[in-house]
Amino acid sequence: MPVFPFAHGDGGGPASILGMADATGSWLIDNRERQRRLYGAPLGERVRRLTGALGISQARLARTLGISPAMLSQLVSARRVKIGDPAVLARMLLLDQRCHRMRLPASRAAVDELLAEVAETHWHWNGRPAQRPRPLGHRVPRDEGGGTAAAVLRGVAEPARLAAAAAALGPTFPELAEILRQAASRPGA
């Protein structure tokens, strides 16, 4: 986590407070941009879109995702950049996908059912929950996936798993993470 630069020398007068506010604003802007690179949009935008579309509170969304409300608040405000648990990211992406397919405004019962389904989803990182995993070493022919790396990845993993892998690889292998993000963001392409 970055350190806030404090003004030096004047003992904390108005100018140094202003300088600290400028540094804090810059730090948050940088964090939002890092979130945009990692997740396609700042998490505050994604969370507001979900809570608004579903008519739920941020605390209820946090419970559904399996994260504390305080942690979600830090992510939304960009005081924290990354979602640490890949399962939380996968649930958020699943909820986002399902929300796009719902007719909005949805009934309270439909929203409750969707949130319960997402909250109860358990991710098995050695296999896909909805389908039987392909055997290790399985090769996808180039023409089966459309020829691009992103298309081939879509042929072997669900978008939520691709996004979780992108988040995990991002700091160390940003080029590979970008391909994974592209594959996750366009499942039908």
C-alpha atoms as a PDB file:
ATOM      1  CA  MET A   1       0.000   0.000   0.000  1.00  0.00           C
ATOM      2  CA  PRO A   2       1.485   3.395  -0.952  1.00  0.00           C
ATOM      3  CA  VAL A   3       2.638   5.742   1.782  1.00  0.00           C
ATOM      4  CA  PHE A   4       0.994   9.149   1.934  1.00  0.00           C
ATOM      5  CA  PRO A   5       3.599  11.841   1.356  1.00  0.00           C
ATOM      6  CA  PHE A   6       3.325  14.481   4.061  1.00  0.00           C
ATOM      7  CA  ALA A   7       4.409  18.082   3.646  1.00  0.00           C
ATOM      8  CA  HIS A   8       7.700  18.903   5.289  1.00  0.00           C
ATOM      9  CA  GLY A   9       8.935  21.819   7.307  1.00  0.00           C
ATOM     10  CA  ASP A  10       5.983  24.007   8.213  1.00  0.00           C
ATOM     11  CA  GLY A  11       4.520  22.007  11.097  1.00  0.00           C
ATOM     12  CA  GLY A  12       1.184  21.108   9.526  1.00  0.00           C
ATOM     13  CA  GLY A  13      -0.373  24.444   8.565  1.00  0.00           C
ATOM     14  CA  PRO A  14      -3.070  24.840   5.897  1.00  0.00           C
ATOM     15  CA  ALA A  15      -0.600  24.519   3.037  1.00  0.00           C
ATOM     16  CA  SER A  16       0.629  21.152   4.258  1.00  0.00           C
ATOM     17  CA  ILE A  17      -2.955  19.913   4.741  1.00  0.00           C
ATOM     18  CA  LEU A  18      -3.745  20.996   1.186  1.00  0.00           C
ATOM     19  CA  GLY A  19      -0.632  19.196  -0.017  1.00  0.00           C
ATOM     20  CA  MET A  20      -1.731  16.032   1.759  1.00  0.00           C
ATOM     21  CA  ALA A  21      -5.198  16.251   0.213  1.00  0.00           C
ATOM     22  CA  ASP A  22      -3.639  16.607  -3.224  1.00  0.00           C
ATOM     23  CA  ALA A  23      -1.407  13.593  -2.588  1.00  0.00           C
ATOM     24  CA  THR A  24      -4.358  11.530  -1.328  1.00  0.00           C
ATOM     25  CA  GLY A  25      -6.458  12.445  -4.374  1.00  0.00           C
ATOM     26  CA  SER A  26      -3.620  11.533  -6.702  1.00  0.00           C
ATOM     27  CA  TRP A  27      -3.102   8.221  -4.921  1.00  0.00           C
ATOM     28  CA  LEU A  28      -6.791   7.330  -5.227  1.00  0.00           C
ATOM     29  CA  ILE A  29      -6.848   8.295  -8.902  1.00  0.00           C
ATOM     30  CA  ASP A  30      -3.826   6.037  -9.487  1.00  0.00           C
ATOM     31  CA  ASN A  31      -5.537   3.194  -7.619  1.00  0.00           C
ATOM     32  CA  ARG A  32      -8.714   3.571  -9.688  1.00  0.00           C
ATOM     33  CA  GLU A  33      -6.633   3.399 -12.851  1.00  0.00           C
ATOM     34  CA  ARG A  34      -4.916   0.246 -11.570  1.00  0.00           C
ATOM     35  CA  GLN A  35      -8.362  -1.263 -10.907  1.00  0.00           C
ATOM     36  CA  ARG A  36      -9.423  -0.310 -14.441  1.00  0.00           C
ATOM     37  CA  ARG A  37      -6.402  -2.157 -15.835  1.00  0.00           C
ATOM     38  CA  LEU A  38      -7.029  -5.200 -13.616  1.00  0.00           C
ATOM     39  CA  TYR A  39     -10.821  -5.467 -13.817  1.00  0.00           C
ATOM     40  CA  GLY A  40     -11.868  -3.435 -16.852  1.00  0.00           C
ATOM     41  CA  ALA A  41     -13.409  -0.670 -14.697  1.00  0.00           C
ATOM     42  CA  PRO A  42     -12.848   0.809 -11.250  1.00  0.00           C
ATOM     43  CA  LEU A  43     -14.509  -1.431  -8.679  1.00  0.00           C
ATOM     44  CA  GLY A  44     -16.588   1.487  -7.398  1.00  0.00           C
ATOM     45  CA  GLU A  45     -18.295   1.715 -10.795  1.00  0.00           C
ATOM     46  CA  ARG A  46     -18.905  -2.038 -10.941  1.00  0.00           C
ATOM     47  CA  VAL A  47     -20.289  -2.185  -7.414  1.00  0.00           C
ATOM     48  CA  ARG A  48     -22.571   0.839  -7.943  1.00  0.00           C
ATOM     49  CA  ARG A  49     -23.849  -0.718 -11.171  1.00  0.00           C
ATOM     50  CA  LEU A  50     -24.649  -3.990  -9.389  1.00  0.00           C
ATOM     51  CA  THR A  51     -26.214  -2.464  -6.276  1.00  0.00           C
ATOM     52  CA  GLY A  52     -28.260  -0.046  -8.380  1.00  0.00           C
ATOM     53  CA  ALA A  53     -29.503  -2.675 -10.819  1.00  0.00           C
ATOM     54  CA  LEU A  54     -30.400  -5.140  -8.071  1.00  0.00           C
ATOM     55  CA  GLY A  55     -31.673  -2.581  -5.574  1.00  0.00           C
ATOM     56  CA  ILE A  56     -29.450  -3.876  -2.781  1.00  0.00           C
ATOM     57  CA  SER A  57     -27.072  -2.327  -0.293  1.00  0.00           C
ATOM     58  CA  GLN A  58     -23.312  -2.548  -0.543  1.00  0.00           C
ATOM     59  CA  ALA A  59     -23.334  -4.595   2.695  1.00  0.00           C
ATOM     60  CA  ARG A  60     -25.688  -7.166   1.147  1.00  0.00           C
ATOM     61  CA  LEU A  61     -23.485  -7.370  -1.936  1.00  0.00           C
ATOM     62  CA  ALA A  62     -20.465  -7.925   0.313  1.00  0.00           C
ATOM     63  CA  ARG A  63     -22.200 -10.816   2.105  1.00  0.00           C
ATOM     64  CA  THR A  64     -23.140 -12.356  -1.251  1.00  0.00           C
ATOM     65  CA  LEU A  65     -19.576 -12.117  -2.523  1.00  0.00           C
ATOM     66  CA  GLY A  66     -18.080 -13.526   0.676  1.00  0.00           C
ATOM     67  CA  ILE A  67     -16.160 -10.411   1.661  1.00  0.00           C
ATOM     68  CA  SER A  68     -16.548  -8.105   4.633  1.00  0.00           C
ATOM     69  CA  PRO A  69     -18.472  -4.856   4.098  1.00  0.00           C
ATOM     70  CA  ALA A  70     -15.400  -2.926   5.287  1.00  0.00           C
ATOM     71  CA  MET A  71     -13.177  -4.612   2.693  1.00  0.00           C
ATOM     72  CA  LEU A  72     -15.693  -3.968  -0.076  1.00  0.00           C
ATOM     73  CA  SER A  73     -15.868  -0.324   1.009  1.00  0.00           C
ATOM     74  CA  GLN A  74     -12.073  -0.054   0.744  1.00  0.00           C
ATOM     75  CA  LEU A  75     -12.170  -1.558  -2.748  1.00  0.00           C
ATOM     76  CA  VAL A  76     -15.032   0.726  -3.847  1.00  0.00           C
ATOM     77  CA  SER A  77     -13.253   3.847  -2.602  1.00  0.00           C
ATOM     78  CA  ALA A  78      -9.959   2.642  -4.167  1.00  0.00           C
ATOM     79  CA  ARG A  79      -8.141   2.700  -0.826  1.00  0.00           C
ATOM     80  CA  ARG A  80      -7.430  -0.913  -1.745  1.00  0.00           C
ATOM     81  CA  VAL A  81      -6.727  -1.988  -5.333  1.00  0.00           C
ATOM     82  CA  LYS A  82      -7.028  -5.769  -5.568  1.00  0.00           C
ATOM     83  CA  ILE A  83      -9.574  -8.356  -4.583  1.00  0.00           C
ATOM     84  CA  GLY A  84      -7.386 -10.820  -2.700  1.00  0.00           C
ATOM     85  CA  ASP A  85      -9.588 -13.902  -2.952  1.00  0.00           C
ATOM     86  CA  PRO A  86     -10.108 -15.257  -6.482  1.00  0.00           C
ATOM     87  CA  ALA A  87     -13.438 -16.793  -5.409  1.00  0.00           C
ATOM     88  CA  VAL A  88     -14.736 -13.322  -4.469  1.00  0.00           C
ATOM     89  CA  LEU A  89     -13.746 -12.002  -7.897  1.00  0.00           C
ATOM     90  CA  ALA A  90     -15.341 -15.009  -9.561  1.00  0.00           C
ATOM     91  CA  ARG A  91     -18.602 -14.438  -7.653  1.00  0.00           C
ATOM     92  CA  MET A  92     -18.596 -10.765  -8.630  1.00  0.00           C
ATOM     93  CA  LEU A  93     -18.120 -11.644 -12.293  1.00  0.00           C
ATOM     94  CA  LEU A  94     -20.792 -14.336 -12.109  1.00  0.00           C
ATOM     95  CA  LEU A  95     -23.223 -11.889 -10.514  1.00  0.00           C
ATOM     96  CA  ASP A  96     -22.380  -9.279 -13.153  1.00  0.00           C
ATOM     97  CA  GLN A  97     -23.029 -11.789 -15.966  1.00  0.00           C
ATOM     98  CA  ARG A  98     -26.290 -13.021 -14.464  1.00  0.00           C
ATOM     99  CA  CYS A  99     -27.432  -9.480 -13.743  1.00  0.00           C
ATOM    100  CA  HIS A 100     -26.947  -8.551 -17.412  1.00  0.00           C
ATOM    101  CA  ARG A 101     -29.182 -11.466 -18.418  1.00  0.00           C
ATOM    102  CA  MET A 102     -31.968 -10.521 -15.989  1.00  0.00           C
ATOM    103  CA  ARG A 103     -34.864  -8.363 -16.964  1.00  0.00           C
ATOM    104  CA  LEU A 104     -34.598  -5.254 -14.861  1.00  0.00           C
ATOM    105  CA  PRO A 105     -36.117  -4.104 -12.669  1.00  0.00           C
ATOM    106  CA  ALA A 106     -36.252  -7.617 -11.250  1.00  0.00           C
ATOM    107  CA  SER A 107     -38.681  -8.758  -8.601  1.00  0.00           C
ATOM    108  CA  ARG A 108     -37.428  -8.983  -5.016  1.00  0.00           C
ATOM    109  CA  ALA A 109     -37.832 -12.778  -5.204  1.00  0.00           C
ATOM    110  CA  ALA A 110     -35.718 -12.980  -8.384  1.00  0.00           C
ATOM    111  CA  VAL A 111     -32.993 -10.837  -6.825  1.00  0.00           C
ATOM    112  CA  ASP A 112     -33.012 -12.912  -3.626  1.00  0.00           C
ATOM    113  CA  GLU A 113     -32.763 -16.122  -5.664  1.00  0.00           C
ATOM    114  CA  LEU A 114     -29.884 -14.765  -7.749  1.00  0.00           C
ATOM    115  CA  LEU A 115     -27.954 -13.563  -4.692  1.00  0.00           C
ATOM    116  CA  ALA A 116     -28.449 -16.892  -2.910  1.00  0.00           C
ATOM    117  CA  GLU A 117     -27.237 -18.806  -5.964  1.00  0.00           C
ATOM    118  CA  VAL A 118     -24.114 -16.662  -6.292  1.00  0.00           C
ATOM    119  CA  ALA A 119     -23.366 -16.779  -2.546  1.00  0.00           C
ATOM    120  CA  GLU A 120     -23.623 -20.583  -2.509  1.00  0.00           C
ATOM    121  CA  THR A 121     -21.354 -21.043  -5.507  1.00  0.00           C
ATOM    122  CA  HIS A 122     -18.171 -22.839  -4.557  1.00  0.00           C
ATOM    123  CA  TRP A 123     -15.304 -22.650  -6.978  1.00  0.00           C
ATOM    124  CA  HIS A 124     -13.169 -25.676  -7.589  1.00  0.00           C
ATOM    125  CA  TRP A 125      -9.995 -24.347  -9.116  1.00  0.00           C
ATOM    126  CA  ASN A 126      -9.039 -27.777 -10.418  1.00  0.00           C
ATOM    127  CA  GLY A 127     -12.308 -28.105 -12.354  1.00  0.00           C
ATOM    128  CA  ARG A 128     -15.306 -26.127 -13.499  1.00  0.00           C
ATOM    129  CA  PRO A 129     -18.399 -26.332 -11.315  1.00  0.00           C
ATOM    130  CA  ALA A 130     -20.916 -26.525 -14.158  1.00  0.00           C
ATOM    131  CA  GLN A 131     -19.073 -28.750 -16.596  1.00  0.00           C
ATOM    132  CA  ARG A 132     -16.722 -31.657 -16.489  1.00  0.00           C
ATOM    133  CA  PRO A 133     -13.154 -30.361 -16.814  1.00  0.00           C
ATOM    134  CA  ARG A 134     -11.117 -31.310 -19.822  1.00  0.00           C
ATOM    135  CA  PRO A 135      -8.250 -33.669 -19.072  1.00  0.00           C
ATOM    136  CA  LEU A 136      -4.862 -32.136 -18.332  1.00  0.00           C
ATOM    137  CA  GLY A 137      -2.827 -31.862 -21.468  1.00  0.00           C
ATOM    138  CA  HIS A 138      -5.963 -31.532 -23.609  1.00  0.00           C
ATOM    139  CA  ARG A 139      -5.163 -29.411 -26.636  1.00  0.00           C
ATOM    140  CA  VAL A 140      -7.751 -27.213 -28.249  1.00  0.00           C
ATOM    141  CA  PRO A 141      -7.295 -27.202 -32.023  1.00  0.00           C
ATOM    142  CA  ARG A 142      -6.579 -23.732 -33.375  1.00  0.00           C
ATOM    143  CA  ASP A 143      -9.740 -23.613 -35.480  1.00  0.00           C
ATOM    144  CA  GLU A 144     -11.987 -24.737 -32.566  1.00  0.00           C
ATOM    145  CA  GLY A 145     -11.326 -21.536 -30.642  1.00  0.00           C
ATOM    146  CA  GLY A 146     -11.260 -19.059 -33.514  1.00  0.00           C
ATOM    147  CA  GLY A 147      -7.477 -18.874 -33.742  1.00  0.00           C
ATOM    148  CA  THR A 148      -6.687 -16.255 -31.103  1.00  0.00           C
ATOM    149  CA  ALA A 149      -5.240 -16.964 -27.675  1.00  0.00           C
ATOM    150  CA  ALA A 150      -8.284 -15.379 -26.028  1.00  0.00           C
ATOM    151  CA  ALA A 151     -10.659 -17.544 -28.063  1.00  0.00           C
ATOM    152  CA  VAL A 152      -8.737 -20.709 -27.217  1.00  0.00           C
ATOM    153  CA  LEU A 153      -8.791 -19.786 -23.516  1.00  0.00           C
ATOM    154  CA  ARG A 154     -12.562 -19.293 -23.700  1.00  0.00           C
ATOM    155  CA  GLY A 155     -12.752 -22.854 -25.028  1.00  0.00           C
ATOM    156  CA  VAL A 156     -11.150 -24.342 -21.922  1.00  0.00           C
ATOM    157  CA  ALA A 157     -12.286 -22.120 -19.023  1.00  0.00           C
ATOM    158  CA  GLU A 158     -15.263 -20.075 -17.916  1.00  0.00           C
ATOM    159  CA  PRO A 159     -15.014 -16.249 -17.916  1.00  0.00           C
ATOM    160  CA  ALA A 160     -14.977 -16.073 -14.100  1.00  0.00           C
ATOM    161  CA  ARG A 161     -11.981 -18.411 -13.944  1.00  0.00           C
ATOM    162  CA  LEU A 162     -10.176 -16.468 -16.663  1.00  0.00           C
ATOM    163  CA  ALA A 163     -10.712 -13.212 -14.768  1.00  0.00           C
ATOM    164  CA  ALA A 164      -9.529 -14.767 -11.511  1.00  0.00           C
ATOM    165  CA  ALA A 165      -6.391 -16.048 -13.267  1.00  0.00           C
ATOM    166  CA  ALA A 166      -5.803 -12.582 -14.747  1.00  0.00           C
ATOM    167  CA  ALA A 167      -6.033 -11.004 -11.307  1.00  0.00           C
ATOM    168  CA  ALA A 168      -3.592 -13.541  -9.887  1.00  0.00           C
ATOM    169  CA  LEU A 169      -1.077 -13.177 -12.735  1.00  0.00           C
ATOM    170  CA  GLY A 170      -1.405  -9.413 -13.233  1.00  0.00           C
ATOM    171  CA  PRO A 171       1.426  -8.153 -11.017  1.00  0.00           C
ATOM    172  CA  THR A 172       3.979 -10.675 -12.270  1.00  0.00           C
ATOM    173  CA  PHE A 173       2.890 -11.339 -15.845  1.00  0.00           C
ATOM    174  CA  PRO A 174       0.865  -8.335 -17.062  1.00  0.00           C
ATOM    175  CA  GLU A 175       0.957  -9.395 -20.719  1.00  0.00           C
ATOM    176  CA  LEU A 176      -0.585 -12.791 -19.968  1.00  0.00           C
ATOM    177  CA  ALA A 177      -3.074 -11.211 -17.585  1.00  0.00           C
ATOM    178  CA  GLU A 178      -4.257  -8.884 -20.363  1.00  0.00           C
ATOM    179  CA  ILE A 179      -4.964 -11.839 -22.671  1.00  0.00           C
ATOM    180  CA  LEU A 180      -6.878 -13.555 -19.876  1.00  0.00           C
ATOM    181  CA  ARG A 181      -8.887 -10.354 -19.217  1.00  0.00           C
ATOM    182  CA  GLN A 182      -9.720 -10.071 -22.914  1.00  0.00           C
ATOM    183  CA  ALA A 183     -10.879 -13.681 -22.983  1.00  0.00           C
ATOM    184  CA  ALA A 184     -12.993 -13.175 -19.859  1.00  0.00           C
ATOM    185  CA  SER A 185     -14.582  -9.945 -21.054  1.00  0.00           C
ATOM    186  CA  ARG A 186     -15.824 -11.272 -24.413  1.00  0.00           C
ATOM    187  CA  PRO A 187     -17.126 -14.767 -23.798  1.00  0.00           C
ATOM    188  CA  GLY A 188     -19.189 -14.785 -26.965  1.00  0.00           C
ATOM    189  CA  ALA A 189     -16.635 -13.179 -29.264  1.00  0.00           C
END
